[in-house]
Amino acid sequence: MGKKYPPLDRDQVETILKNLEFYPKRQKGTSHAQWEGYTKGQRRIVTVDHLKSRKEKYSHTLLRKMIEQSGLNKKEFYSHLKK
């Protein structure tokens, strides 16, 4: 993802989702949780995988899927990390 869009860990993804006013909806065991919120007036569910460590970075593919599920593009998604 490069320097502009570095890999993110679970805490960073959850911070972005909180800043987007998403909230944890349900959790499937310990492997992942679903966050619910609205983007541009549309209800969205983002599945956040729980990796072995909270500081482990998500792969490019997995992060891309979470960004797509949020209804934002990469630039918009990353912009909510700093709020």
C-alpha atoms as a PDB file:
ATOM      1  CA  MET A   1       0.000   0.000   0.000  1.00  0.00           C
ATOM      2  CA  GLY A   2       3.017   2.258   0.182  1.00  0.00           C
ATOM      3  CA  LYS A   3       3.901   5.115   2.499  1.00  0.00           C
ATOM      4  CA  LYS A   4       0.743   7.079   1.763  1.00  0.00           C
ATOM      5  CA  TYR A   5      -1.452   4.116   2.713  1.00  0.00           C
ATOM      6  CA  PRO A   6       0.558   1.909   5.074  1.00  0.00           C
ATOM      7  CA  PRO A   7      -0.792  -1.413   6.354  1.00  0.00           C
ATOM      8  CA  LEU A   8      -3.092  -1.020   9.353  1.00  0.00           C
ATOM      9  CA  ASP A   9      -3.557  -3.062  12.510  1.00  0.00           C
ATOM     10  CA  ARG A  10      -6.833  -3.892  14.251  1.00  0.00           C
ATOM     11  CA  ASP A  11      -6.686  -0.941  16.648  1.00  0.00           C
ATOM     12  CA  GLN A  12      -6.215   1.473  13.733  1.00  0.00           C
ATOM     13  CA  VAL A  13      -9.106  -0.032  11.729  1.00  0.00           C
ATOM     14  CA  GLU A  14     -11.381   0.103  14.774  1.00  0.00           C
ATOM     15  CA  THR A  15     -10.382   3.744  15.378  1.00  0.00           C
ATOM     16  CA  ILE A  16     -11.346   4.593  11.802  1.00  0.00           C
ATOM     17  CA  LEU A  17     -14.681   2.811  12.177  1.00  0.00           C
ATOM     18  CA  LYS A  18     -15.403   4.604  15.463  1.00  0.00           C
ATOM     19  CA  ASN A  19     -14.568   7.946  13.807  1.00  0.00           C
ATOM     20  CA  LEU A  20     -17.031   7.015  11.052  1.00  0.00           C
ATOM     21  CA  GLU A  21     -19.618   6.387  13.805  1.00  0.00           C
ATOM     22  CA  PHE A  22     -19.734   2.647  13.196  1.00  0.00           C
ATOM     23  CA  TYR A  23     -20.301   0.468  16.244  1.00  0.00           C
ATOM     24  CA  PRO A  24     -19.687  -3.214  17.021  1.00  0.00           C
ATOM     25  CA  LYS A  25     -22.839  -5.085  16.006  1.00  0.00           C
ATOM     26  CA  ARG A  26     -21.948  -8.694  16.702  1.00  0.00           C
ATOM     27  CA  GLN A  27     -18.987 -10.925  17.220  1.00  0.00           C
ATOM     28  CA  LYS A  28     -18.538 -14.431  15.863  1.00  0.00           C
ATOM     29  CA  GLY A  29     -16.465 -16.187  18.512  1.00  0.00           C
ATOM     30  CA  THR A  30     -12.998 -14.746  18.713  1.00  0.00           C
ATOM     31  CA  SER A  31     -12.181 -14.772  14.997  1.00  0.00           C
ATOM     32  CA  HIS A  32     -13.936 -11.594  13.852  1.00  0.00           C
ATOM     33  CA  ALA A  33     -16.534  -8.934  14.646  1.00  0.00           C
ATOM     34  CA  GLN A  34     -19.016  -7.061  12.521  1.00  0.00           C
ATOM     35  CA  TRP A  35     -19.301  -3.290  12.757  1.00  0.00           C
ATOM     36  CA  GLU A  36     -22.416  -1.480  11.554  1.00  0.00           C
ATOM     37  CA  GLY A  37     -22.786   2.086  10.398  1.00  0.00           C
ATOM     38  CA  TYR A  38     -24.005   4.359   7.622  1.00  0.00           C
ATOM     39  CA  THR A  39     -21.964   5.734   4.759  1.00  0.00           C
ATOM     40  CA  LYS A  40     -23.552   8.272   2.438  1.00  0.00           C
ATOM     41  CA  GLY A  41     -26.981   7.281   3.775  1.00  0.00           C
ATOM     42  CA  GLN A  42     -26.505   3.561   3.168  1.00  0.00           C
ATOM     43  CA  ARG A  43     -26.287   0.941   5.923  1.00  0.00           C
ATOM     44  CA  ARG A  44     -22.942  -0.872   5.887  1.00  0.00           C
ATOM     45  CA  ILE A  45     -21.501  -3.883   7.693  1.00  0.00           C
ATOM     46  CA  VAL A  46     -17.710  -4.165   7.968  1.00  0.00           C
ATOM     47  CA  THR A  47     -16.236  -7.483   9.088  1.00  0.00           C
ATOM     48  CA  VAL A  48     -13.061  -6.957  11.123  1.00  0.00           C
ATOM     49  CA  ASP A  49     -10.916 -10.058  11.477  1.00  0.00           C
ATOM     50  CA  HIS A  50      -9.255 -10.599  14.825  1.00  0.00           C
ATOM     51  CA  LEU A  51      -5.686 -11.509  14.026  1.00  0.00           C
ATOM     52  CA  LYS A  52      -3.351 -13.243  16.490  1.00  0.00           C
ATOM     53  CA  SER A  53      -2.210  -9.891  17.878  1.00  0.00           C
ATOM     54  CA  ARG A  54      -3.973  -6.502  17.956  1.00  0.00           C
ATOM     55  CA  LYS A  55      -0.799  -4.974  16.468  1.00  0.00           C
ATOM     56  CA  GLU A  56      -0.453  -7.467  13.601  1.00  0.00           C
ATOM     57  CA  LYS A  57      -0.958  -5.706  10.261  1.00  0.00           C
ATOM     58  CA  TYR A  58      -3.743  -6.710   7.878  1.00  0.00           C
ATOM     59  CA  SER A  59      -2.812  -7.962   4.427  1.00  0.00           C
ATOM     60  CA  HIS A  60      -3.458  -5.702   1.455  1.00  0.00           C
ATOM     61  CA  THR A  61      -6.324  -7.952   0.318  1.00  0.00           C
ATOM     62  CA  LEU A  62      -8.088  -8.092   3.681  1.00  0.00           C
ATOM     63  CA  LEU A  63      -7.728  -4.352   4.252  1.00  0.00           C
ATOM     64  CA  ARG A  64      -9.083  -3.636   0.766  1.00  0.00           C
ATOM     65  CA  LYS A  65     -12.174  -5.748   1.534  1.00  0.00           C
ATOM     66  CA  MET A  66     -12.837  -3.852   4.776  1.00  0.00           C
ATOM     67  CA  ILE A  67     -12.467  -0.522   2.964  1.00  0.00           C
ATOM     68  CA  GLU A  68     -14.895  -1.667   0.243  1.00  0.00           C
ATOM     69  CA  GLN A  69     -17.390  -2.838   2.875  1.00  0.00           C
ATOM     70  CA  SER A  70     -17.265   0.616   4.496  1.00  0.00           C
ATOM     71  CA  GLY A  71     -18.483   2.237   1.277  1.00  0.00           C
ATOM     72  CA  LEU A  72     -15.514   4.585   1.089  1.00  0.00           C
ATOM     73  CA  ASN A  73     -12.491   4.749  -1.147  1.00  0.00           C
ATOM     74  CA  LYS A  74      -9.009   4.256   0.271  1.00  0.00           C
ATOM     75  CA  LYS A  75      -8.285   7.990   0.607  1.00  0.00           C
ATOM     76  CA  GLU A  76     -11.562   8.646   2.462  1.00  0.00           C
ATOM     77  CA  PHE A  77     -11.068   5.634   4.752  1.00  0.00           C
ATOM     78  CA  TYR A  78      -7.506   6.588   5.725  1.00  0.00           C
ATOM     79  CA  SER A  79      -8.512  10.217   6.322  1.00  0.00           C
ATOM     80  CA  HIS A  80     -10.580   9.101   9.332  1.00  0.00           C
ATOM     81  CA  LEU A  81      -7.527   7.616  11.061  1.00  0.00           C
ATOM     82  CA  LYS A  82      -6.330  11.091  12.088  1.00  0.00           C
ATOM     83  CA  LYS A  83      -9.541  12.442  13.617  1.00  0.00           C
END
